[in-house]
Amino acid sequence: MKKLLLAVLVLIGLQTQAQQATPYFCCDSITYWTDQSQGFFIGLDTTNIVHNPDSIEVWWAVCTNGLCYSGQGMTDSFFQVMTTDTLKVCYDVYLYTSNVVEVCTQCDSLIFDQNTYSWIMFSMGNTTSINELTFNRINDGKIYDLLGKELNEIPVGTMYIRNQKLYITR
């Protein structure tokens, strides 16, 4: 009987410990969507959330051209935004569950893709061109100080640059 009672107490203790050790961590399952209607329309997508919180509070921040606009709610619209703007979009999501608050924060840079008529992350845009920089080494004999200022004569007792080489005179 003692062994059975001990086994039951151990199982109850393990079950309680497992319940307490299970974190919610829903931030990875939260995304947002955008819509190009009048202005900029955005909403929180919670279809992949791993648990069902008691309540959700959402705060938005959309910045463009040095100005930031704030909003709140599961969806919001920002009529100040134009499709030619580059946006920084941030959200703070507060998930309330059983006297526990989980805060999720995310920021992305968005641009409007004219080919798909949708907002995409700035890092996902199509490359428009790649320019190769060429460096022409010109050995013209000109003399420069260490700051790159052209000199008319060789200075005495200081370092100078001539034909991409460093010299010092005595």
C-alpha atoms as a PDB file:
ATOM      1  CA  MET A   1       0.000   0.000   0.000  1.00  0.00           C
ATOM      2  CA  LYS A   2       2.845   2.354   0.806  1.00  0.00           C
ATOM      3  CA  LYS A   3       4.408   1.691  -2.602  1.00  0.00           C
ATOM      4  CA  LEU A   4       1.116   2.395  -4.354  1.00  0.00           C
ATOM      5  CA  LEU A   5       0.574   5.605  -2.418  1.00  0.00           C
ATOM      6  CA  LEU A   6       4.155   6.678  -3.153  1.00  0.00           C
ATOM      7  CA  ALA A   7       3.688   5.944  -6.870  1.00  0.00           C
ATOM      8  CA  VAL A   8       0.464   8.004  -6.993  1.00  0.00           C
ATOM      9  CA  LEU A   9       2.134  10.944  -5.223  1.00  0.00           C
ATOM     10  CA  VAL A  10       5.115  10.803  -7.587  1.00  0.00           C
ATOM     11  CA  LEU A  11       2.794  10.762 -10.625  1.00  0.00           C
ATOM     12  CA  ILE A  12       0.799  13.718  -9.300  1.00  0.00           C
ATOM     13  CA  GLY A  13       4.026  15.593  -8.607  1.00  0.00           C
ATOM     14  CA  LEU A  14       5.363  14.878 -12.112  1.00  0.00           C
ATOM     15  CA  GLN A  15       2.066  15.917 -13.687  1.00  0.00           C
ATOM     16  CA  THR A  16       2.030  19.197 -11.727  1.00  0.00           C
ATOM     17  CA  GLN A  17       5.659  19.853 -12.613  1.00  0.00           C
ATOM     18  CA  ALA A  18       4.988  19.163 -16.309  1.00  0.00           C
ATOM     19  CA  GLN A  19       2.042  21.567 -16.314  1.00  0.00           C
ATOM     20  CA  GLN A  20       4.111  24.316 -14.721  1.00  0.00           C
ATOM     21  CA  ALA A  21       7.079  23.769 -17.038  1.00  0.00           C
ATOM     22  CA  THR A  22       5.028  24.026 -20.231  1.00  0.00           C
ATOM     23  CA  PRO A  23       5.571  27.524 -21.633  1.00  0.00           C
ATOM     24  CA  TYR A  24       3.194  29.045 -24.155  1.00  0.00           C
ATOM     25  CA  PHE A  25       5.629  30.803 -26.531  1.00  0.00           C
ATOM     26  CA  CYS A  26       3.180  31.673 -29.285  1.00  0.00           C
ATOM     27  CA  CYS A  27       5.316  34.377 -30.878  1.00  0.00           C
ATOM     28  CA  ASP A  28       6.615  32.070 -33.607  1.00  0.00           C
ATOM     29  CA  SER A  29       3.077  31.176 -34.643  1.00  0.00           C
ATOM     30  CA  ILE A  30       1.872  34.775 -35.092  1.00  0.00           C
ATOM     31  CA  THR A  31       2.049  36.436 -38.494  1.00  0.00           C
ATOM     32  CA  TYR A  32       0.323  39.361 -40.166  1.00  0.00           C
ATOM     33  CA  TRP A  33      -1.183  40.078 -43.547  1.00  0.00           C
ATOM     34  CA  THR A  34      -1.385  43.233 -45.620  1.00  0.00           C
ATOM     35  CA  ASP A  35      -3.851  44.424 -48.219  1.00  0.00           C
ATOM     36  CA  GLN A  36      -3.487  47.161 -50.777  1.00  0.00           C
ATOM     37  CA  SER A  37      -6.827  48.849 -50.610  1.00  0.00           C
ATOM     38  CA  GLN A  38      -7.240  52.534 -49.831  1.00  0.00           C
ATOM     39  CA  GLY A  39      -3.969  53.257 -48.022  1.00  0.00           C
ATOM     40  CA  PHE A  40      -2.324  50.403 -46.140  1.00  0.00           C
ATOM     41  CA  PHE A  41      -4.464  47.747 -44.436  1.00  0.00           C
ATOM     42  CA  ILE A  42      -2.887  45.262 -42.000  1.00  0.00           C
ATOM     43  CA  GLY A  43      -4.149  42.491 -39.749  1.00  0.00           C
ATOM     44  CA  LEU A  44      -2.914  39.871 -37.326  1.00  0.00           C
ATOM     45  CA  ASP A  45      -3.134  36.219 -38.390  1.00  0.00           C
ATOM     46  CA  THR A  46      -3.563  33.859 -35.429  1.00  0.00           C
ATOM     47  CA  THR A  47      -4.613  30.736 -37.355  1.00  0.00           C
ATOM     48  CA  ASN A  48      -1.356  28.943 -36.473  1.00  0.00           C
ATOM     49  CA  ILE A  49      -1.329  29.905 -32.793  1.00  0.00           C
ATOM     50  CA  VAL A  50      -0.366  26.957 -30.577  1.00  0.00           C
ATOM     51  CA  HIS A  51      -2.845  27.610 -27.768  1.00  0.00           C
ATOM     52  CA  ASN A  52      -6.052  29.543 -27.229  1.00  0.00           C
ATOM     53  CA  PRO A  53      -5.357  32.661 -25.116  1.00  0.00           C
ATOM     54  CA  ASP A  54      -8.042  34.305 -23.020  1.00  0.00           C
ATOM     55  CA  SER A  55      -7.563  37.623 -24.829  1.00  0.00           C
ATOM     56  CA  ILE A  56      -5.250  39.299 -27.337  1.00  0.00           C
ATOM     57  CA  GLU A  57      -4.231  42.948 -27.495  1.00  0.00           C
ATOM     58  CA  VAL A  58      -2.427  44.270 -30.593  1.00  0.00           C
ATOM     59  CA  TRP A  59      -0.548  47.558 -31.051  1.00  0.00           C
ATOM     60  CA  TRP A  60       0.712  48.598 -34.509  1.00  0.00           C
ATOM     61  CA  ALA A  61       3.360  51.101 -35.598  1.00  0.00           C
ATOM     62  CA  VAL A  62       3.901  51.976 -39.260  1.00  0.00           C
ATOM     63  CA  CYS A  63       6.733  54.353 -40.146  1.00  0.00           C
ATOM     64  CA  THR A  64       7.518  55.985 -43.475  1.00  0.00           C
ATOM     65  CA  ASN A  65       9.443  59.082 -44.534  1.00  0.00           C
ATOM     66  CA  GLY A  66      10.445  59.850 -40.948  1.00  0.00           C
ATOM     67  CA  LEU A  67       6.853  59.812 -39.677  1.00  0.00           C
ATOM     68  CA  CYS A  68       5.306  57.053 -37.574  1.00  0.00           C
ATOM     69  CA  TYR A  69       1.639  56.223 -37.196  1.00  0.00           C
ATOM     70  CA  SER A  70       0.185  54.052 -34.440  1.00  0.00           C
ATOM     71  CA  GLY A  71      -2.904  51.909 -34.270  1.00  0.00           C
ATOM     72  CA  GLN A  72      -4.452  49.083 -32.317  1.00  0.00           C
ATOM     73  CA  GLY A  73      -6.716  46.110 -32.819  1.00  0.00           C
ATOM     74  CA  MET A  74      -6.602  42.877 -34.786  1.00  0.00           C
ATOM     75  CA  THR A  75      -6.810  44.932 -37.995  1.00  0.00           C
ATOM     76  CA  ASP A  76      -5.996  48.539 -38.742  1.00  0.00           C
ATOM     77  CA  SER A  77      -5.587  50.839 -41.722  1.00  0.00           C
ATOM     78  CA  PHE A  78      -3.135  53.627 -42.383  1.00  0.00           C
ATOM     79  CA  PHE A  79      -4.405  55.955 -45.080  1.00  0.00           C
ATOM     80  CA  GLN A  80      -1.232  58.071 -44.971  1.00  0.00           C
ATOM     81  CA  VAL A  81       0.801  55.286 -46.647  1.00  0.00           C
ATOM     82  CA  MET A  82       1.403  55.296 -50.391  1.00  0.00           C
ATOM     83  CA  THR A  83       2.656  52.447 -52.579  1.00  0.00           C
ATOM     84  CA  THR A  84       5.855  54.396 -53.312  1.00  0.00           C
ATOM     85  CA  ASP A  85       6.818  54.382 -49.611  1.00  0.00           C
ATOM     86  CA  THR A  86       9.231  52.041 -47.903  1.00  0.00           C
ATOM     87  CA  LEU A  87       7.629  51.028 -44.626  1.00  0.00           C
ATOM     88  CA  LYS A  88       8.819  49.858 -41.268  1.00  0.00           C
ATOM     89  CA  VAL A  89       5.963  47.872 -39.749  1.00  0.00           C
ATOM     90  CA  CYS A  90       6.064  46.797 -36.090  1.00  0.00           C
ATOM     91  CA  TYR A  91       3.580  45.099 -33.841  1.00  0.00           C
ATOM     92  CA  ASP A  92       3.360  44.323 -30.140  1.00  0.00           C
ATOM     93  CA  VAL A  93       0.977  41.479 -29.321  1.00  0.00           C
ATOM     94  CA  TYR A  94      -0.062  40.843 -25.730  1.00  0.00           C
ATOM     95  CA  LEU A  95      -1.444  37.346 -25.138  1.00  0.00           C
ATOM     96  CA  TYR A  96      -3.302  36.970 -21.835  1.00  0.00           C
ATOM     97  CA  THR A  97      -3.774  33.413 -20.511  1.00  0.00           C
ATOM     98  CA  SER A  98      -4.531  32.435 -16.912  1.00  0.00           C
ATOM     99  CA  ASN A  99      -2.843  35.426 -15.257  1.00  0.00           C
ATOM    100  CA  VAL A 100       0.172  35.060 -17.579  1.00  0.00           C
ATOM    101  CA  VAL A 101       1.079  37.641 -20.215  1.00  0.00           C
ATOM    102  CA  GLU A 102       3.204  36.797 -23.223  1.00  0.00           C
ATOM    103  CA  VAL A 103       4.473  39.744 -25.268  1.00  0.00           C
ATOM    104  CA  CYS A 104       5.463  39.263 -28.902  1.00  0.00           C
ATOM    105  CA  THR A 105       7.240  42.029 -30.805  1.00  0.00           C
ATOM    106  CA  GLN A 106       8.161  41.980 -34.483  1.00  0.00           C
ATOM    107  CA  CYS A 107       9.402  44.594 -36.970  1.00  0.00           C
ATOM    108  CA  ASP A 108       9.802  44.284 -40.747  1.00  0.00           C
ATOM    109  CA  SER A 109      10.655  46.594 -43.620  1.00  0.00           C
ATOM    110  CA  LEU A 110       8.158  46.425 -46.492  1.00  0.00           C
ATOM    111  CA  ILE A 111       8.104  47.690 -50.061  1.00  0.00           C
ATOM    112  CA  PHE A 112       5.300  47.540 -52.594  1.00  0.00           C
ATOM    113  CA  ASP A 113       5.893  45.124 -55.480  1.00  0.00           C
ATOM    114  CA  GLN A 114       4.313  46.539 -58.639  1.00  0.00           C
ATOM    115  CA  ASN A 115       4.404  43.117 -60.342  1.00  0.00           C
ATOM    116  CA  THR A 116       2.271  41.330 -57.741  1.00  0.00           C
ATOM    117  CA  TYR A 117       0.447  44.416 -56.417  1.00  0.00           C
ATOM    118  CA  SER A 118       1.293  43.437 -52.854  1.00  0.00           C
ATOM    119  CA  TRP A 119       3.532  44.482 -49.991  1.00  0.00           C
ATOM    120  CA  ILE A 120       6.610  42.282 -49.589  1.00  0.00           C
ATOM    121  CA  MET A 121       9.467  42.246 -47.121  1.00  0.00           C
ATOM    122  CA  PHE A 122      12.285  44.485 -48.263  1.00  0.00           C
ATOM    123  CA  SER A 123      14.779  41.612 -48.156  1.00  0.00           C
ATOM    124  CA  MET A 124      12.570  39.540 -50.492  1.00  0.00           C
ATOM    125  CA  GLY A 125      12.442  42.053 -53.340  1.00  0.00           C
ATOM    126  CA  ASN A 126      13.748  41.229 -56.787  1.00  0.00           C
ATOM    127  CA  THR A 127      17.256  42.383 -57.566  1.00  0.00           C
ATOM    128  CA  THR A 128      17.051  45.121 -60.165  1.00  0.00           C
ATOM    129  CA  SER A 129      20.738  45.411 -61.034  1.00  0.00           C
ATOM    130  CA  ILE A 130      24.239  44.593 -59.920  1.00  0.00           C
ATOM    131  CA  ASN A 131      26.956  47.073 -60.688  1.00  0.00           C
ATOM    132  CA  GLU A 132      30.571  46.039 -60.457  1.00  0.00           C
ATOM    133  CA  LEU A 133      32.881  48.689 -59.110  1.00  0.00           C
ATOM    134  CA  THR A 134      36.247  48.946 -60.785  1.00  0.00           C
ATOM    135  CA  PHE A 135      39.203  50.525 -59.105  1.00  0.00           C
ATOM    136  CA  ASN A 136      41.711  52.081 -61.442  1.00  0.00           C
ATOM    137  CA  ARG A 137      45.135  52.385 -59.910  1.00  0.00           C
ATOM    138  CA  ILE A 138      46.687  55.483 -61.349  1.00  0.00           C
ATOM    139  CA  ASN A 139      50.338  56.001 -60.628  1.00  0.00           C
ATOM    140  CA  ASP A 140      50.399  59.679 -61.442  1.00  0.00           C
ATOM    141  CA  GLY A 141      53.118  60.616 -58.969  1.00  0.00           C
ATOM    142  CA  LYS A 142      50.918  62.988 -56.982  1.00  0.00           C
ATOM    143  CA  ILE A 143      51.682  63.406 -53.298  1.00  0.00           C
ATOM    144  CA  TYR A 144      49.010  63.170 -50.570  1.00  0.00           C
ATOM    145  CA  ASP A 145      49.024  63.512 -46.789  1.00  0.00           C
ATOM    146  CA  LEU A 146      47.487  60.813 -44.590  1.00  0.00           C
ATOM    147  CA  LEU A 147      44.080  62.511 -44.766  1.00  0.00           C
ATOM    148  CA  GLY A 148      44.063  62.368 -48.582  1.00  0.00           C
ATOM    149  CA  LYS A 149      44.787  66.039 -49.196  1.00  0.00           C
ATOM    150  CA  GLU A 150      46.977  66.650 -52.244  1.00  0.00           C
ATOM    151  CA  LEU A 151      50.348  68.244 -51.451  1.00  0.00           C
ATOM    152  CA  ASN A 152      52.535  70.378 -53.715  1.00  0.00           C
ATOM    153  CA  GLU A 153      55.869  69.282 -52.236  1.00  0.00           C
ATOM    154  CA  ILE A 154      57.252  66.412 -50.196  1.00  0.00           C
ATOM    155  CA  PRO A 155      57.004  67.276 -46.474  1.00  0.00           C
ATOM    156  CA  VAL A 156      60.077  66.849 -44.298  1.00  0.00           C
ATOM    157  CA  GLY A 157      59.831  64.530 -41.261  1.00  0.00           C
ATOM    158  CA  THR A 158      56.259  63.334 -41.909  1.00  0.00           C
ATOM    159  CA  MET A 159      54.567  60.464 -43.702  1.00  0.00           C
ATOM    160  CA  TYR A 160      53.071  60.944 -47.138  1.00  0.00           C
ATOM    161  CA  ILE A 161      51.482  58.839 -49.869  1.00  0.00           C
ATOM    162  CA  ARG A 162      52.690  58.601 -53.485  1.00  0.00           C
ATOM    163  CA  ASN A 163      51.421  56.019 -56.023  1.00  0.00           C
ATOM    164  CA  GLN A 164      49.444  54.121 -53.319  1.00  0.00           C
ATOM    165  CA  LYS A 165      52.586  53.639 -51.186  1.00  0.00           C
ATOM    166  CA  LEU A 166      53.389  55.141 -47.797  1.00  0.00           C
ATOM    167  CA  TYR A 167      56.694  57.010 -47.361  1.00  0.00           C
ATOM    168  CA  ILE A 168      58.391  58.899 -44.558  1.00  0.00           C
ATOM    169  CA  THR A 169      61.100  61.514 -45.039  1.00  0.00           C
ATOM    170  CA  ARG A 170      63.900  62.362 -42.655  1.00  0.00           C
END
